[in-house]
N, C-alpha and C. Protein backbone atom coordinates (compact mmCIF):
# COMPACT_ATOMS: atom_id res chain seq x y z
N MET A 1 0.77 -1.24 -0.20
CA MET A 1 0.13 -0.17 -0.06
C MET A 1 0.72 1.29 0.09
N ASN A 2 1.98 1.18 0.78
CA ASN A 2 2.85 2.44 0.85
C ASN A 2 3.36 2.57 -0.66
N TYR A 3 3.73 1.82 -1.50
CA TYR A 3 4.31 1.66 -2.75
C TYR A 3 3.27 2.56 -3.52
N LEU A 4 2.03 2.38 -3.68
CA LEU A 4 0.82 2.92 -4.36
C LEU A 4 0.60 4.56 -3.76
N ILE A 5 0.88 4.79 -2.27
CA ILE A 5 0.45 5.88 -2.01
C ILE A 5 1.86 6.85 -2.55
N VAL A 6 3.14 6.53 -2.71
CA VAL A 6 4.31 7.26 -3.13
C VAL A 6 4.25 7.40 -4.38
N LEU A 7 3.40 6.32 -5.32
CA LEU A 7 3.58 6.30 -6.72
C LEU A 7 2.30 7.31 -7.04
N LEU A 8 1.32 7.56 -6.24
CA LEU A 8 0.30 8.53 -6.41
C LEU A 8 0.76 10.00 -6.17
N LEU A 9 1.47 10.03 -5.29
CA LEU A 9 1.88 11.29 -4.76
C LEU A 9 3.02 11.78 -6.15
N GLY A 10 3.73 10.59 -6.48
CA GLY A 10 4.90 11.14 -7.56
C GLY A 10 3.84 12.00 -8.59
N THR A 11 2.86 11.02 -8.84
CA THR A 11 2.14 11.59 -10.17
C THR A 11 1.70 12.93 -9.92
N LEU A 12 1.35 13.05 -8.77
CA LEU A 12 0.74 14.57 -8.32
C LEU A 12 2.03 15.36 -8.44
N GLY A 13 3.03 14.89 -8.05
CA GLY A 13 4.35 15.72 -8.13
C GLY A 13 4.71 16.14 -9.25
N ALA A 14 4.53 15.15 -10.17
CA ALA A 14 4.88 15.34 -11.73
C ALA A 14 3.91 16.37 -12.38
N LEU A 15 2.78 16.13 -12.00
CA LEU A 15 2.13 17.36 -12.25
C LEU A 15 2.19 18.48 -12.16
N LEU A 16 2.49 18.66 -10.57
CA LEU A 16 2.65 20.10 -10.01
C LEU A 16 4.02 20.66 -10.72
N GLN A 17 4.82 19.86 -10.75
CA GLN A 17 6.45 20.13 -11.50
C GLN A 17 6.27 20.66 -12.80
N SER A 18 5.28 20.20 -13.63
CA SER A 18 5.51 20.41 -14.99
C SER A 18 4.60 21.53 -15.27
N THR A 19 3.80 22.12 -14.45
CA THR A 19 2.78 23.01 -14.68
C THR A 19 2.63 24.04 -13.71
N LEU A 20 2.06 24.01 -12.66
CA LEU A 20 1.91 24.98 -11.36
C LEU A 20 3.32 25.47 -11.23
N LEU A 21 4.34 24.71 -10.99
CA LEU A 21 5.53 25.22 -10.17
C LEU A 21 6.15 26.07 -11.35
N ARG A 22 6.20 25.31 -12.79
CA ARG A 22 6.69 26.29 -13.83
C ARG A 22 6.03 27.31 -14.16
N ALA A 23 4.70 27.69 -13.65
CA ALA A 23 4.23 29.06 -13.71
C ALA A 23 4.48 29.89 -12.75
N LEU A 24 4.61 29.47 -11.57
CA LEU A 24 4.64 30.04 -10.52
C LEU A 24 6.34 30.55 -10.31
N PHE A 25 7.26 29.63 -10.64
CA PHE A 25 8.59 30.19 -10.30
C PHE A 25 9.36 30.46 -11.82
N PRO A 26 10.43 31.12 -11.38
CA PRO A 26 11.51 31.29 -12.71
C PRO A 26 11.73 29.76 -13.04
N GLN A 27 11.98 29.62 -14.41
CA GLN A 27 12.26 28.14 -14.92
C GLN A 27 13.38 27.65 -14.41
N SER A 28 14.42 28.62 -14.04
CA SER A 28 15.61 28.01 -13.49
C SER A 28 15.58 27.70 -11.91
N PHE A 29 14.47 27.82 -11.28
CA PHE A 29 14.24 27.61 -10.04
C PHE A 29 12.92 26.58 -9.46
N VAL A 30 13.02 25.64 -10.29
CA VAL A 30 11.72 24.47 -10.32
C VAL A 30 12.50 23.35 -9.75
N PRO A 31 12.17 22.86 -8.23
CA PRO A 31 12.63 21.64 -7.71
C PRO A 31 12.27 20.42 -8.34
N ASP A 32 13.21 19.56 -8.26
CA ASP A 32 12.87 18.24 -8.88
C ASP A 32 12.44 17.24 -7.97
N ILE A 33 11.07 17.30 -8.02
CA ILE A 33 10.34 16.49 -7.04
C ILE A 33 10.31 15.30 -7.03
N LEU A 34 10.34 14.68 -8.22
CA LEU A 34 10.51 13.10 -8.46
C LEU A 34 11.69 12.31 -8.08
N LEU A 35 12.94 13.49 -8.39
CA LEU A 35 14.32 12.92 -7.58
C LEU A 35 14.14 12.79 -6.33
N LEU A 36 13.74 13.77 -5.66
CA LEU A 36 13.65 13.48 -4.10
C LEU A 36 12.86 12.21 -3.78
N LEU A 37 11.62 12.03 -4.41
CA LEU A 37 10.75 10.93 -4.30
C LEU A 37 11.69 9.67 -4.42
N VAL A 38 12.29 9.57 -5.58
CA VAL A 38 13.27 8.61 -5.68
C VAL A 38 14.17 8.00 -4.58
N LEU A 39 14.81 9.33 -4.19
CA LEU A 39 15.58 9.27 -2.87
C LEU A 39 14.80 8.85 -1.44
N TYR A 40 13.80 9.03 -1.47
CA TYR A 40 12.69 9.04 -0.41
C TYR A 40 12.49 7.38 -0.46
N GLY A 41 12.33 6.83 -1.72
CA GLY A 41 11.88 5.45 -1.94
C GLY A 41 12.94 4.67 -1.55
N SER A 42 14.24 5.08 -1.80
CA SER A 42 15.40 4.28 -1.35
C SER A 42 15.95 4.28 -0.17
N LEU A 43 15.37 5.39 0.75
CA LEU A 43 15.20 5.18 2.28
C LEU A 43 14.27 4.04 2.84
N LEU A 44 13.35 4.06 2.14
CA LEU A 44 11.80 3.29 2.86
C LEU A 44 11.88 1.80 2.04
N PHE A 45 12.02 1.50 0.85
CA PHE A 45 11.51 0.33 -0.05
C PHE A 45 12.39 -0.49 -0.08
N PRO A 46 12.35 -1.67 0.05
CA PRO A 46 13.37 -2.73 -0.60
C PRO A 46 13.90 -2.75 -1.90
N TRP A 47 14.84 -3.57 -2.38
CA TRP A 47 15.49 -3.27 -3.77
C TRP A 47 14.08 -3.88 -4.83
N GLY A 48 13.47 -4.49 -4.91
CA GLY A 48 12.24 -5.11 -5.87
C GLY A 48 11.39 -3.96 -5.88
N LYS A 49 10.69 -3.36 -4.78
CA LYS A 49 9.41 -2.42 -4.99
C LYS A 49 10.15 -0.99 -5.11
N GLY A 50 11.42 -0.84 -4.73
CA GLY A 50 12.11 0.44 -5.05
C GLY A 50 12.68 0.66 -6.48
N LEU A 51 13.25 -0.49 -6.96
CA LEU A 51 13.43 -0.59 -8.35
C LEU A 51 12.30 0.11 -9.22
N LEU A 52 11.35 -0.72 -9.11
CA LEU A 52 9.97 -0.64 -9.76
C LEU A 52 9.52 0.75 -9.60
N LEU A 53 9.30 1.49 -8.29
CA LEU A 53 8.96 2.75 -8.20
C LEU A 53 9.99 3.60 -8.71
N SER A 54 11.18 3.54 -8.55
CA SER A 54 12.18 4.51 -9.26
C SER A 54 12.07 4.49 -10.90
N PHE A 55 11.88 3.30 -11.40
CA PHE A 55 11.58 3.19 -12.99
C PHE A 55 10.21 4.15 -13.26
N THR A 56 9.12 3.70 -12.61
CA THR A 56 8.02 4.35 -12.94
C THR A 56 7.99 5.97 -12.49
N LEU A 57 8.59 6.36 -11.64
CA LEU A 57 8.76 7.82 -11.46
C LEU A 57 9.84 8.38 -12.25
N GLY A 58 10.59 7.76 -12.71
CA GLY A 58 11.39 8.12 -13.86
C GLY A 58 10.58 8.51 -15.04
N LEU A 59 9.85 7.47 -15.42
CA LEU A 59 8.94 7.39 -16.96
C LEU A 59 8.11 8.45 -16.38
N LEU A 60 7.44 8.82 -15.17
CA LEU A 60 6.48 9.88 -15.29
C LEU A 60 7.29 11.16 -15.48
N SER A 61 8.64 11.28 -15.15
CA SER A 61 9.15 12.37 -15.35
C SER A 61 9.51 12.58 -16.78
N ASP A 62 9.64 11.53 -17.36
CA ASP A 62 10.03 11.63 -19.03
C ASP A 62 8.78 12.06 -19.78
N LEU A 63 7.65 11.63 -19.25
CA LEU A 63 6.38 11.71 -19.77
C LEU A 63 5.75 13.24 -19.66
N PHE A 64 5.83 13.59 -18.40
CA PHE A 64 5.59 14.98 -17.97
C PHE A 64 6.49 16.24 -18.57
N SER A 65 7.58 15.78 -18.77
CA SER A 65 8.77 16.87 -18.99
C SER A 65 9.00 17.07 -20.57
N GLY A 66 8.57 15.98 -21.25
CA GLY A 66 8.68 15.82 -22.61
C GLY A 66 10.08 15.29 -23.28
N ALA A 67 10.76 14.81 -22.01
CA ALA A 67 12.13 14.36 -22.46
C ALA A 67 11.92 13.11 -23.17
N PRO A 68 13.12 12.82 -23.84
CA PRO A 68 13.10 11.43 -24.55
C PRO A 68 12.70 10.11 -23.68
N ASP A 69 11.95 9.24 -24.01
CA ASP A 69 11.65 8.34 -23.13
C ASP A 69 12.69 7.49 -22.79
N GLY A 70 12.81 7.25 -21.58
CA GLY A 70 13.76 6.55 -20.84
C GLY A 70 14.92 7.49 -20.01
N MET A 71 15.16 8.52 -20.55
CA MET A 71 16.40 9.45 -20.15
C MET A 71 16.28 9.59 -18.96
N ASN A 72 15.02 9.75 -18.11
CA ASN A 72 15.14 10.22 -16.71
C ASN A 72 14.80 9.07 -15.99
N ALA A 73 14.19 7.90 -16.45
CA ALA A 73 14.00 6.70 -16.08
C ALA A 73 15.30 5.86 -15.46
N LEU A 74 15.96 6.08 -16.61
CA LEU A 74 17.62 5.55 -16.47
C LEU A 74 18.25 6.13 -15.26
N PHE A 75 18.35 7.64 -15.40
CA PHE A 75 18.73 8.10 -14.25
C PHE A 75 17.99 7.88 -12.66
N SER A 76 17.00 7.73 -12.82
CA SER A 76 16.10 7.35 -11.50
C SER A 76 16.64 5.94 -10.82
N ILE A 77 16.65 5.07 -11.79
CA ILE A 77 17.29 3.68 -11.42
C ILE A 77 18.55 3.55 -11.11
N THR A 78 19.56 4.51 -11.78
CA THR A 78 20.78 4.33 -11.22
C THR A 78 20.87 5.35 -9.92
N LEU A 79 20.02 6.38 -9.63
CA LEU A 79 20.21 6.90 -8.50
C LEU A 79 19.61 6.08 -7.14
N PHE A 80 18.68 5.26 -7.56
CA PHE A 80 18.18 4.28 -6.42
C PHE A 80 19.35 3.27 -6.15
N VAL A 81 19.76 2.63 -7.28
CA VAL A 81 20.90 1.78 -6.98
C VAL A 81 22.08 2.21 -6.19
N MET A 82 22.52 3.37 -6.47
CA MET A 82 23.78 4.07 -6.00
C MET A 82 23.33 4.18 -4.52
N SER A 83 22.12 4.91 -4.39
CA SER A 83 21.73 5.34 -2.90
C SER A 83 21.33 3.91 -2.08
N LYS A 84 21.08 2.94 -2.52
CA LYS A 84 20.98 1.60 -1.73
C LYS A 84 22.69 1.02 -1.51
N ALA A 85 23.50 1.17 -2.72
CA ALA A 85 24.80 0.68 -2.52
C ALA A 85 25.39 1.31 -1.32
N ILE A 86 25.20 2.55 -1.18
CA ILE A 86 25.96 3.60 -0.28
C ILE A 86 25.09 3.29 1.18
N GLN A 87 23.93 2.96 1.34
CA GLN A 87 23.15 2.49 2.51
C GLN A 87 23.65 1.46 2.90
N ALA A 88 23.99 0.41 1.99
CA ALA A 88 24.53 -0.75 2.39
C ALA A 88 25.84 -0.94 3.08
N ARG A 89 26.77 -0.02 2.44
CA ARG A 89 28.11 0.04 3.01
C ARG A 89 28.63 1.06 4.09
N VAL A 90 27.84 2.12 4.20
CA VAL A 90 27.94 3.22 4.88
C VAL A 90 26.94 3.06 5.94
N PHE A 91 27.31 3.26 7.23
CA PHE A 91 26.02 3.58 8.43
C PHE A 91 25.75 5.15 8.12
N MET A 92 24.53 5.09 7.82
CA MET A 92 23.88 6.38 7.38
C MET A 92 22.78 6.76 8.69
N LYS A 93 22.75 7.66 9.47
CA LYS A 93 21.78 8.12 10.40
C LYS A 93 21.67 9.77 10.23
N GLY A 94 20.43 9.93 10.52
CA GLY A 94 20.44 11.34 10.45
C GLY A 94 20.32 12.29 9.40
N PHE A 95 19.81 13.61 9.36
CA PHE A 95 19.38 14.31 8.31
C PHE A 95 20.70 14.62 7.22
N ARG A 96 21.74 14.76 7.86
CA ARG A 96 23.40 14.98 7.14
C ARG A 96 23.59 13.89 6.15
N ALA A 97 22.97 12.73 6.50
CA ALA A 97 23.15 11.26 5.42
C ALA A 97 22.43 11.74 4.26
N ILE A 98 21.05 12.17 4.62
CA ILE A 98 20.17 12.54 3.52
C ILE A 98 20.61 13.76 2.81
N TRP A 99 21.04 14.66 3.13
CA TRP A 99 21.30 15.57 2.42
C TRP A 99 22.45 15.39 1.65
N GLY A 100 23.65 14.64 2.12
CA GLY A 100 24.62 13.94 1.52
C GLY A 100 24.30 12.93 0.19
N LEU A 101 23.35 12.27 0.41
CA LEU A 101 22.71 11.57 -0.72
C LEU A 101 22.04 12.64 -1.82
N THR A 102 21.38 13.82 -1.45
CA THR A 102 20.66 14.56 -2.30
C THR A 102 21.89 15.16 -3.02
N ILE A 103 22.84 15.73 -2.19
CA ILE A 103 23.86 16.51 -3.04
C ILE A 103 24.67 15.57 -4.01
N LEU A 104 24.66 14.30 -3.92
CA LEU A 104 25.51 13.57 -4.76
C LEU A 104 24.74 13.22 -5.98
N ALA A 105 23.18 12.99 -5.68
CA ALA A 105 22.20 12.72 -6.55
C ALA A 105 22.31 14.15 -7.86
N PHE A 106 22.39 15.15 -7.17
CA PHE A 106 22.32 16.14 -8.08
C PHE A 106 23.86 16.62 -8.76
N ALA A 107 24.96 16.15 -8.10
CA ALA A 107 26.13 16.17 -8.78
C ALA A 107 26.40 15.09 -9.95
N LEU A 108 25.57 14.17 -9.85
CA LEU A 108 25.67 13.05 -10.84
C LEU A 108 24.77 13.57 -11.88
N LYS A 109 23.86 14.23 -11.97
CA LYS A 109 23.06 14.91 -13.26
C LYS A 109 23.80 15.37 -14.18
N VAL A 110 24.73 16.39 -13.53
CA VAL A 110 25.55 17.01 -14.60
C VAL A 110 26.27 16.06 -15.81
N PRO A 111 27.06 15.23 -15.13
CA PRO A 111 27.77 14.42 -16.35
C PRO A 111 26.92 13.55 -16.71
N TYR A 112 25.85 12.78 -16.19
CA TYR A 112 24.94 11.70 -16.89
C TYR A 112 24.15 12.72 -18.00
N TYR A 113 23.74 13.69 -18.05
CA TYR A 113 23.05 14.69 -19.04
C TYR A 113 24.30 14.83 -20.05
N ALA A 114 25.51 15.05 -19.84
CA ALA A 114 26.49 15.47 -20.59
C ALA A 114 26.96 14.16 -21.41
N LEU A 115 26.98 13.14 -20.91
CA LEU A 115 27.18 11.97 -21.26
C LEU A 115 26.11 11.48 -22.66
N LEU A 116 24.84 11.76 -21.97
CA LEU A 116 23.71 11.54 -22.98
C LEU A 116 23.79 12.75 -24.40
N SER A 117 24.34 13.95 -24.10
CA SER A 117 24.31 14.86 -25.24
C SER A 117 25.51 14.22 -26.13
N ILE A 118 26.61 13.69 -25.50
CA ILE A 118 27.77 13.21 -26.40
C ILE A 118 27.34 12.09 -27.19
N LEU A 119 26.87 10.91 -26.47
CA LEU A 119 26.28 9.78 -27.19
C LEU A 119 25.43 9.68 -28.15
N PHE A 120 24.23 10.53 -27.51
CA PHE A 120 23.05 10.55 -28.76
C PHE A 120 22.77 11.75 -29.36
N GLY A 121 23.59 12.63 -29.08
CA GLY A 121 23.58 14.08 -29.84
C GLY A 121 22.14 14.76 -29.38
N LEU A 122 21.88 14.62 -28.32
CA LEU A 122 20.78 15.56 -27.67
C LEU A 122 21.30 16.82 -27.54
N ARG A 123 20.16 17.74 -27.86
CA ARG A 123 20.62 19.14 -27.70
C ARG A 123 20.10 19.63 -26.27
N PHE A 124 21.03 20.13 -25.33
CA PHE A 124 20.78 20.64 -24.12
C PHE A 124 20.95 22.31 -24.18
N PRO A 125 20.38 22.96 -23.14
CA PRO A 125 20.65 24.53 -23.04
C PRO A 125 22.57 24.59 -23.04
N THR A 126 22.66 25.93 -23.31
CA THR A 126 24.28 26.42 -23.46
C THR A 126 24.63 25.97 -22.00
N ALA A 127 25.86 25.94 -21.97
CA ALA A 127 26.56 25.86 -20.41
C ALA A 127 26.30 26.84 -19.58
N ALA A 128 26.28 28.05 -19.81
CA ALA A 128 25.72 29.18 -18.84
C ALA A 128 24.38 28.91 -18.34
N ASP A 129 23.37 28.69 -19.29
CA ASP A 129 22.17 28.29 -18.93
C ASP A 129 21.95 26.86 -18.21
N ALA A 130 22.53 25.83 -18.61
CA ALA A 130 22.65 24.61 -17.87
C ALA A 130 23.08 24.59 -16.61
N VAL A 131 24.29 25.53 -16.28
CA VAL A 131 24.46 25.99 -14.95
C VAL A 131 23.23 26.66 -14.13
N LEU A 132 22.94 27.49 -14.58
CA LEU A 132 21.95 28.32 -14.03
C LEU A 132 20.60 27.54 -13.75
N ILE A 133 20.10 26.72 -14.60
CA ILE A 133 19.20 25.96 -14.20
C ILE A 133 19.49 24.64 -13.21
N TRP A 134 20.72 24.22 -13.47
CA TRP A 134 21.05 23.18 -12.21
C TRP A 134 21.04 23.76 -10.81
N VAL A 135 21.75 25.06 -10.77
CA VAL A 135 22.02 25.58 -9.35
C VAL A 135 20.41 25.76 -9.07
N GLY A 136 19.42 26.47 -9.74
CA GLY A 136 18.29 26.97 -9.13
C GLY A 136 17.52 25.79 -8.84
N GLU A 137 17.68 24.40 -9.49
CA GLU A 137 16.86 23.33 -9.45
C GLU A 137 17.29 22.56 -8.02
N PHE A 138 18.90 22.63 -7.95
CA PHE A 138 19.59 22.22 -6.56
C PHE A 138 18.94 22.78 -5.27
N VAL A 139 19.12 24.24 -5.53
CA VAL A 139 18.96 25.18 -4.15
C VAL A 139 17.13 24.93 -4.15
N SER A 140 16.44 24.94 -5.01
CA SER A 140 15.03 25.07 -4.88
C SER A 140 14.59 23.31 -4.28
N SER A 141 15.38 22.54 -4.80
CA SER A 141 15.18 20.88 -4.05
C SER A 141 15.40 20.68 -2.82
N LEU A 142 16.58 21.42 -2.20
CA LEU A 142 16.96 21.34 -0.93
C LEU A 142 16.14 22.03 0.06
N PHE A 143 15.52 22.93 -0.66
CA PHE A 143 14.64 23.90 0.22
C PHE A 143 13.29 22.93 0.43
N LEU A 144 12.90 22.39 -0.74
CA LEU A 144 11.79 21.63 -0.55
C LEU A 144 11.82 20.29 0.07
N MET A 145 13.20 19.70 0.00
CA MET A 145 13.15 18.28 0.60
C MET A 145 12.91 18.15 2.11
N PRO A 146 12.98 18.94 3.32
CA PRO A 146 12.37 18.42 4.47
C PRO A 146 10.99 18.44 4.42
N VAL A 147 10.49 19.67 3.73
CA VAL A 147 8.95 19.53 3.73
C VAL A 147 8.46 18.23 2.93
N LEU A 148 8.86 17.89 1.80
CA LEU A 148 8.18 16.96 1.18
C LEU A 148 8.32 15.41 1.79
N PHE A 149 9.33 15.40 2.38
CA PHE A 149 9.78 13.93 3.18
C PHE A 149 9.00 14.00 4.41
N TYR A 150 8.75 14.99 5.12
CA TYR A 150 7.75 14.89 6.17
C TYR A 150 6.47 14.81 5.62
N VAL A 151 5.93 15.24 4.64
CA VAL A 151 4.35 15.28 4.20
C VAL A 151 4.22 13.79 3.74
N VAL A 152 5.59 13.05 2.90
CA VAL A 152 5.23 11.77 2.42
C VAL A 152 5.18 10.89 3.80
N SER A 153 5.89 11.04 4.53
CA SER A 153 6.02 10.27 6.05
C SER A 153 4.59 10.60 6.78
N LYS A 154 3.74 11.48 6.49
CA LYS A 154 2.62 11.64 7.38
C LYS A 154 1.60 10.88 6.31
N ALA A 155 1.73 11.02 5.06
CA ALA A 155 0.62 10.33 3.88
C ALA A 155 0.87 8.96 4.31
N LEU A 156 2.07 8.56 4.46
CA LEU A 156 2.23 6.95 4.53
C LEU A 156 1.90 6.69 6.25
N GLY A 157 1.62 7.61 6.95
CA GLY A 157 1.21 7.02 8.39
C GLY A 157 2.44 6.81 9.12
N LEU A 158 3.65 7.28 8.85
CA LEU A 158 4.67 7.17 9.44
C LEU A 158 4.91 8.13 10.54
N GLN A 159 5.58 8.02 11.66
CA GLN A 159 5.91 9.06 12.36
C GLN A 159 6.72 9.93 11.84
N GLY A 160 6.45 11.47 11.74
CA GLY A 160 7.20 12.16 11.10
C GLY A 160 8.42 12.15 11.22
N GLY A 161 9.50 12.19 10.33
CA GLY A 161 10.91 12.24 10.58
C GLY A 161 11.48 10.80 10.71
N TRP A 162 10.55 9.95 10.57
CA TRP A 162 11.11 8.55 10.72
C TRP A 162 12.70 8.34 10.14
N PHE A 163 13.05 8.79 9.16
CA PHE A 163 14.28 8.57 8.57
C PHE A 163 15.34 9.12 9.20
N LEU A 164 14.96 9.80 10.12
CA LEU A 164 16.38 10.73 10.94
C LEU A 164 16.61 9.82 12.15
N GLN A 165 15.66 8.70 12.48
CA GLN A 165 16.33 7.63 13.32
C GLN A 165 16.22 6.31 12.94
N HIS A 166 15.57 5.69 12.03
CA HIS A 166 15.58 4.48 11.79
C HIS A 166 15.86 4.22 10.41
N GLN A 167 16.96 4.43 9.76
CA GLN A 167 16.89 3.99 8.21
C GLN A 167 17.35 2.84 7.82
N LYS A 168 17.48 1.96 8.80
CA LYS A 168 17.94 0.28 8.44
C LYS A 168 16.68 -0.17 8.54
N SER A 169 15.55 0.07 9.27
CA SER A 169 14.12 -0.60 9.46
C SER A 169 13.55 -0.03 8.44
N SER A 170 12.85 -1.03 7.35
CA SER A 170 12.01 -0.48 6.48
C SER A 170 10.55 -0.86 6.88
N PRO A 171 9.65 0.23 7.05
CA PRO A 171 8.32 0.19 7.49
C PRO A 171 7.49 -0.60 5.95
N ALA A 172 8.15 -0.66 5.11
CA ALA A 172 7.36 -0.91 3.74
C ALA A 172 6.83 -2.42 3.62
């Protein structure tokens, strides 16, 4: 059931991200809600459900943003696997660990999209515009992350901030 709730929230987040937030905020200051939900899913769900959720959220991101099919889905899966691998090898507790995963996720976005543009000849914004968009998305996502994680925890019926204390136990 938790999986379906996060998937529903992801659909709502994709809709908000691609419509309302783009209308309210400057183009370079729209948070990446689905990336944050993939990180949340990596903290909450086991491998099978989490991979499926990551792929689905990435595909939603592709569909709502107009990106080529699979571009964000592959990144979401890669992000989920990387986050799970780090969690398996490093004792992670507290909000600093989640901030670290988020910073790492955004740091991986730049080389990932640069590699795709080289391999497939995709056209992306100029370097100056890309940096502005990346920084704005990064900062706005960092502002949104604590609120989003709290809201999703409450929607799932979990004690607010469960990820701050118990990252090894999965309530899913």
